[in-house]
N, C-alpha and C. Protein backbone atom coordinates (compact mmCIF):
# COMPACT_ATOMS: atom_id res chain seq x y z
N MET A 1 45.92 3.90 184.99
CA MET A 1 45.01 2.92 185.55
C MET A 1 44.79 3.23 187.03
N PRO A 2 43.53 3.20 187.49
CA PRO A 2 43.26 3.47 188.90
C PRO A 2 43.85 2.39 189.80
N LYS A 3 44.28 2.80 190.98
CA LYS A 3 44.87 1.86 191.93
C LYS A 3 43.83 1.45 192.96
N ARG A 4 43.64 0.13 193.10
CA ARG A 4 42.70 -0.37 194.09
C ARG A 4 43.27 -0.15 195.48
N LEU A 5 42.47 0.49 196.33
CA LEU A 5 42.92 0.84 197.67
C LEU A 5 42.16 0.12 198.78
N LEU A 6 41.00 -0.42 198.45
CA LEU A 6 40.15 -0.97 199.49
C LEU A 6 39.26 -2.06 198.92
N THR A 7 39.06 -3.13 199.67
CA THR A 7 38.10 -4.16 199.30
C THR A 7 37.27 -4.51 200.52
N GLU A 8 35.96 -4.54 200.36
CA GLU A 8 35.04 -4.90 201.44
C GLU A 8 34.19 -6.07 200.96
N PHE A 9 33.71 -6.88 201.92
CA PHE A 9 32.91 -8.04 201.60
C PHE A 9 31.60 -7.99 202.36
N GLY A 10 30.53 -8.52 201.74
CA GLY A 10 29.24 -8.54 202.42
C GLY A 10 28.39 -9.72 201.98
N MET A 11 27.38 -10.01 202.80
CA MET A 11 26.44 -11.07 202.51
C MET A 11 25.05 -10.55 202.79
N GLY A 12 24.11 -10.86 201.90
CA GLY A 12 22.73 -10.45 202.08
C GLY A 12 21.78 -11.57 201.69
N THR A 13 20.55 -11.48 202.21
CA THR A 13 19.58 -12.53 201.94
C THR A 13 18.23 -11.97 201.52
N SER A 14 17.48 -12.82 200.86
CA SER A 14 16.05 -12.63 200.63
C SER A 14 15.41 -13.88 201.20
N LEU A 15 14.75 -13.74 202.33
CA LEU A 15 14.30 -14.91 203.08
C LEU A 15 13.16 -15.68 202.44
N ARG A 16 12.19 -14.96 201.89
CA ARG A 16 11.00 -15.66 201.39
C ARG A 16 10.63 -15.34 199.94
N ARG A 17 11.03 -14.19 199.46
CA ARG A 17 10.56 -13.75 198.14
C ARG A 17 11.43 -14.22 196.98
N GLN A 18 12.54 -14.84 197.26
CA GLN A 18 13.50 -15.28 196.24
C GLN A 18 13.86 -14.10 195.33
N ASP A 19 14.17 -12.97 195.96
CA ASP A 19 14.47 -11.73 195.26
C ASP A 19 16.00 -11.54 195.23
N TYR A 20 16.58 -11.88 194.11
CA TYR A 20 18.04 -11.84 193.98
C TYR A 20 18.58 -10.41 194.05
N THR A 21 17.82 -9.46 193.55
CA THR A 21 18.25 -8.06 193.63
C THR A 21 18.25 -7.59 195.07
N GLN A 22 17.21 -7.91 195.82
CA GLN A 22 17.14 -7.52 197.23
C GLN A 22 18.31 -8.13 198.01
N ALA A 23 18.60 -9.39 197.77
CA ALA A 23 19.71 -10.04 198.45
C ALA A 23 21.03 -9.36 198.10
N ALA A 24 21.23 -9.00 196.83
CA ALA A 24 22.46 -8.32 196.41
C ALA A 24 22.57 -6.93 197.04
N CYS A 25 21.48 -6.19 197.08
CA CYS A 25 21.49 -4.85 197.70
C CYS A 25 21.78 -4.96 199.19
N ARG A 26 21.21 -5.93 199.85
CA ARG A 26 21.47 -6.13 201.28
C ARG A 26 22.93 -6.51 201.52
N ALA A 27 23.51 -7.27 200.61
CA ALA A 27 24.92 -7.63 200.73
C ALA A 27 25.82 -6.40 200.61
N VAL A 28 25.47 -5.50 199.68
CA VAL A 28 26.22 -4.25 199.53
C VAL A 28 26.08 -3.42 200.81
N GLU A 29 24.86 -3.30 201.32
CA GLU A 29 24.65 -2.55 202.56
C GLU A 29 25.43 -3.17 203.71
N ASN A 30 25.45 -4.49 203.78
CA ASN A 30 26.20 -5.18 204.82
C ASN A 30 27.67 -4.82 204.77
N ALA A 31 28.22 -4.74 203.58
CA ALA A 31 29.63 -4.40 203.42
C ALA A 31 29.91 -2.94 203.76
N LEU A 32 28.98 -2.06 203.42
CA LEU A 32 29.21 -0.62 203.57
C LEU A 32 28.81 -0.04 204.92
N TRP A 33 27.71 -0.48 205.44
CA TRP A 33 27.12 0.19 206.59
C TRP A 33 27.88 -0.02 207.88
N HIS A 34 28.83 -0.93 207.90
CA HIS A 34 29.61 -1.17 209.11
C HIS A 34 30.95 -0.42 209.08
N ASN A 35 31.14 0.39 208.07
CA ASN A 35 32.41 1.09 207.92
C ASN A 35 32.18 2.57 207.67
N SER A 36 33.12 3.35 208.09
CA SER A 36 33.12 4.76 207.76
C SER A 36 34.53 5.10 207.32
N ILE A 37 34.76 4.97 206.04
CA ILE A 37 36.10 5.17 205.49
C ILE A 37 36.07 6.38 204.58
N ASN A 38 36.83 7.37 204.93
CA ASN A 38 36.91 8.60 204.13
C ASN A 38 38.09 8.49 203.16
N LEU A 39 38.03 7.49 202.32
CA LEU A 39 39.14 7.16 201.44
C LEU A 39 39.47 8.28 200.47
N ALA A 40 38.47 8.82 199.80
CA ALA A 40 38.73 9.87 198.81
C ALA A 40 39.38 11.08 199.45
N GLU A 41 38.82 11.51 200.57
CA GLU A 41 39.35 12.70 201.26
C GLU A 41 40.78 12.46 201.75
N LEU A 42 41.07 11.23 202.14
CA LEU A 42 42.41 10.89 202.61
C LEU A 42 43.47 11.19 201.55
N PHE A 43 43.09 11.02 200.28
CA PHE A 43 44.01 11.26 199.17
C PHE A 43 43.75 12.57 198.45
N GLY A 44 42.96 13.45 199.08
CA GLY A 44 42.69 14.76 198.49
C GLY A 44 41.81 14.70 197.25
N LYS A 45 40.97 13.70 197.15
CA LYS A 45 40.09 13.52 196.00
C LYS A 45 38.64 13.77 196.43
N ASP A 46 37.78 13.93 195.44
CA ASP A 46 36.36 14.06 195.69
C ASP A 46 35.74 12.65 195.69
N LYS A 47 34.67 12.47 196.47
CA LYS A 47 34.02 11.16 196.53
C LYS A 47 33.53 10.69 195.17
N THR A 48 33.20 11.64 194.30
CA THR A 48 32.73 11.27 192.96
C THR A 48 33.85 10.66 192.11
N ASP A 49 35.11 10.84 192.53
CA ASP A 49 36.25 10.29 191.80
C ASP A 49 36.47 8.80 192.06
N MET A 50 35.81 8.27 193.07
CA MET A 50 36.02 6.87 193.42
C MET A 50 35.48 5.95 192.33
N ARG A 51 36.29 4.97 191.95
CA ARG A 51 35.87 3.93 191.01
C ARG A 51 35.50 2.72 191.85
N ILE A 52 34.24 2.39 191.85
CA ILE A 52 33.73 1.32 192.70
C ILE A 52 33.32 0.14 191.83
N THR A 53 33.93 -1.00 192.09
CA THR A 53 33.60 -2.22 191.38
C THR A 53 32.91 -3.17 192.35
N VAL A 54 31.74 -3.64 191.95
CA VAL A 54 30.96 -4.56 192.78
C VAL A 54 30.85 -5.89 192.06
N ASP A 55 31.38 -6.93 192.68
CA ASP A 55 31.24 -8.29 192.16
C ASP A 55 30.20 -9.00 193.02
N VAL A 56 29.12 -9.44 192.37
CA VAL A 56 28.00 -10.08 193.05
C VAL A 56 27.96 -11.55 192.66
N GLY A 57 27.77 -12.43 193.65
CA GLY A 57 27.59 -13.84 193.38
C GLY A 57 26.22 -14.30 193.87
N VAL A 58 25.40 -14.79 192.95
CA VAL A 58 24.09 -15.37 193.28
C VAL A 58 23.86 -16.58 192.37
N GLN A 59 22.95 -17.43 192.75
CA GLN A 59 22.66 -18.63 191.98
C GLN A 59 22.01 -18.33 190.63
N GLU A 60 21.27 -17.21 190.53
CA GLU A 60 20.62 -16.87 189.27
C GLU A 60 20.99 -15.42 188.90
N PRO A 61 22.19 -15.25 188.31
CA PRO A 61 22.71 -13.92 188.01
C PRO A 61 21.79 -13.05 187.15
N ASP A 62 21.05 -13.65 186.23
CA ASP A 62 20.20 -12.86 185.34
C ASP A 62 19.00 -12.24 186.07
N LYS A 63 18.78 -12.60 187.31
CA LYS A 63 17.66 -12.05 188.08
C LYS A 63 18.06 -10.86 188.95
N VAL A 64 19.30 -10.38 188.81
CA VAL A 64 19.77 -9.22 189.57
C VAL A 64 19.64 -7.96 188.72
N ASP A 65 18.97 -6.96 189.26
CA ASP A 65 18.84 -5.66 188.61
C ASP A 65 20.09 -4.84 188.95
N VAL A 66 21.00 -4.77 188.00
CA VAL A 66 22.29 -4.09 188.20
C VAL A 66 22.10 -2.61 188.55
N ALA A 67 21.14 -1.96 187.94
CA ALA A 67 20.88 -0.54 188.24
C ALA A 67 20.45 -0.35 189.69
N ALA A 68 19.65 -1.27 190.22
CA ALA A 68 19.22 -1.16 191.62
C ALA A 68 20.40 -1.35 192.57
N VAL A 69 21.30 -2.26 192.25
CA VAL A 69 22.49 -2.46 193.08
C VAL A 69 23.37 -1.22 193.03
N SER A 70 23.56 -0.65 191.85
CA SER A 70 24.36 0.57 191.70
C SER A 70 23.78 1.73 192.49
N ALA A 71 22.45 1.79 192.56
CA ALA A 71 21.76 2.90 193.23
C ALA A 71 21.97 2.90 194.74
N VAL A 72 22.46 1.82 195.31
CA VAL A 72 22.74 1.78 196.75
C VAL A 72 23.86 2.76 197.11
N PHE A 73 24.77 2.99 196.16
CA PHE A 73 25.92 3.86 196.42
C PHE A 73 25.54 5.32 196.24
N PRO A 74 25.81 6.16 197.24
CA PRO A 74 25.45 7.57 197.14
C PRO A 74 26.38 8.39 196.25
N TYR A 75 27.55 7.87 195.93
CA TYR A 75 28.50 8.58 195.09
C TYR A 75 29.50 7.59 194.51
N GLY A 76 30.34 8.08 193.63
CA GLY A 76 31.34 7.24 192.98
C GLY A 76 30.87 6.75 191.62
N GLN A 77 31.80 6.24 190.87
CA GLN A 77 31.53 5.66 189.55
C GLN A 77 31.43 4.15 189.74
N VAL A 78 30.20 3.64 189.73
CA VAL A 78 29.93 2.26 190.12
C VAL A 78 29.80 1.35 188.90
N SER A 79 30.46 0.21 188.98
CA SER A 79 30.38 -0.83 187.97
C SER A 79 30.01 -2.13 188.68
N VAL A 80 28.92 -2.76 188.25
CA VAL A 80 28.43 -3.99 188.89
C VAL A 80 28.58 -5.17 187.93
N HIS A 81 29.18 -6.24 188.43
CA HIS A 81 29.35 -7.47 187.66
C HIS A 81 28.69 -8.60 188.46
N VAL A 82 27.84 -9.37 187.80
CA VAL A 82 27.12 -10.44 188.48
C VAL A 82 27.55 -11.78 187.89
N ALA A 83 27.82 -12.74 188.77
CA ALA A 83 28.24 -14.08 188.34
C ALA A 83 27.52 -15.13 189.19
N LYS A 84 27.59 -16.35 188.73
CA LYS A 84 26.99 -17.44 189.49
C LYS A 84 27.80 -17.66 190.76
N GLY A 85 27.09 -17.73 191.87
CA GLY A 85 27.72 -17.91 193.17
C GLY A 85 26.65 -17.88 194.24
N GLY A 86 26.99 -17.39 195.41
CA GLY A 86 25.99 -17.31 196.46
C GLY A 86 25.44 -18.68 196.79
N LEU A 87 24.21 -18.70 197.30
CA LEU A 87 23.63 -19.95 197.73
C LEU A 87 22.12 -19.82 197.80
N ASP A 88 21.41 -20.80 197.30
CA ASP A 88 19.96 -20.92 197.50
C ASP A 88 19.76 -22.02 198.53
N VAL A 89 19.13 -21.67 199.66
CA VAL A 89 18.94 -22.63 200.75
C VAL A 89 17.50 -23.11 200.73
N PRO A 90 17.27 -24.40 200.46
CA PRO A 90 15.90 -24.90 200.40
C PRO A 90 15.22 -24.83 201.77
N ARG A 91 13.92 -24.70 201.76
CA ARG A 91 13.13 -24.73 202.99
C ARG A 91 13.15 -26.15 203.56
N PRO A 92 13.20 -26.26 204.89
CA PRO A 92 13.26 -27.59 205.51
C PRO A 92 12.08 -28.49 205.12
N ASP A 93 10.91 -27.89 204.92
CA ASP A 93 9.74 -28.69 204.58
C ASP A 93 9.62 -28.92 203.07
N GLY A 94 10.55 -28.34 202.31
CA GLY A 94 10.54 -28.49 200.86
C GLY A 94 9.48 -27.67 200.16
N ASP A 95 8.75 -26.87 200.92
CA ASP A 95 7.67 -26.05 200.38
C ASP A 95 8.14 -24.61 200.16
N GLY A 96 7.70 -24.00 199.13
CA GLY A 96 7.99 -22.58 198.91
C GLY A 96 9.36 -22.33 198.32
N ASN A 97 9.66 -21.04 198.19
CA ASN A 97 10.91 -20.62 197.59
C ASN A 97 12.07 -20.76 198.57
N PRO A 98 13.26 -21.05 198.05
CA PRO A 98 14.42 -21.12 198.94
C PRO A 98 14.84 -19.73 199.41
N THR A 99 15.58 -19.69 200.49
CA THR A 99 16.22 -18.45 200.92
C THR A 99 17.40 -18.19 199.99
N VAL A 100 17.47 -16.98 199.49
CA VAL A 100 18.54 -16.59 198.57
C VAL A 100 19.63 -15.87 199.35
N MET A 101 20.87 -16.31 199.15
CA MET A 101 22.02 -15.64 199.75
C MET A 101 22.90 -15.08 198.63
N ALA A 102 23.24 -13.80 198.77
CA ALA A 102 24.15 -13.16 197.80
C ALA A 102 25.43 -12.77 198.52
N ASN A 103 26.54 -12.91 197.84
CA ASN A 103 27.83 -12.45 198.34
C ASN A 103 28.34 -11.34 197.43
N VAL A 104 28.97 -10.34 198.02
CA VAL A 104 29.57 -9.27 197.22
C VAL A 104 30.99 -8.99 197.68
N ALA A 105 31.78 -8.55 196.74
CA ALA A 105 33.10 -7.99 197.00
C ALA A 105 33.09 -6.61 196.36
N ILE A 106 33.37 -5.59 197.16
CA ILE A 106 33.37 -4.21 196.69
C ILE A 106 34.81 -3.70 196.72
N SER A 107 35.28 -3.26 195.57
CA SER A 107 36.63 -2.69 195.48
C SER A 107 36.52 -1.22 195.15
N VAL A 108 37.35 -0.42 195.82
CA VAL A 108 37.37 1.02 195.58
C VAL A 108 38.76 1.40 195.09
N ALA A 109 38.79 2.14 194.00
CA ALA A 109 40.06 2.58 193.41
C ALA A 109 40.01 4.06 193.13
N LEU A 110 41.18 4.67 193.06
CA LEU A 110 41.30 6.08 192.71
C LEU A 110 42.37 6.24 191.64
N GLU A 111 42.15 7.15 190.75
CA GLU A 111 43.08 7.48 189.68
C GLU A 111 44.18 8.37 190.24
N GLY A 112 45.39 8.18 189.77
CA GLY A 112 46.49 9.09 190.12
C GLY A 112 47.05 8.92 191.52
N ILE A 113 46.94 7.75 192.07
CA ILE A 113 47.47 7.49 193.42
C ILE A 113 48.73 6.67 193.32
């Protein structure tokens, strides 16, 4: 069984389009783009060996394109799980779509560690 070595957290939004996939992708980018962790190389592994699990929380899980979220990662074996969570923030005037907030937890594991 692969050993989890790292967990990162992120939050992303879709301000006007109520795009749950965009919010989830932005949350992944938020978690990743602020870090430069050479985890695989640290353990003498290739980046493609990384097992990446992405847990996404949004108010409407069925509206997230899992393939699009997976495509944010340039390497690794990515598994995306979507559940009810996050937050839909109504507009102050009550008009239009709410702002969608997605939360993600990204775990990275390696086999044989």
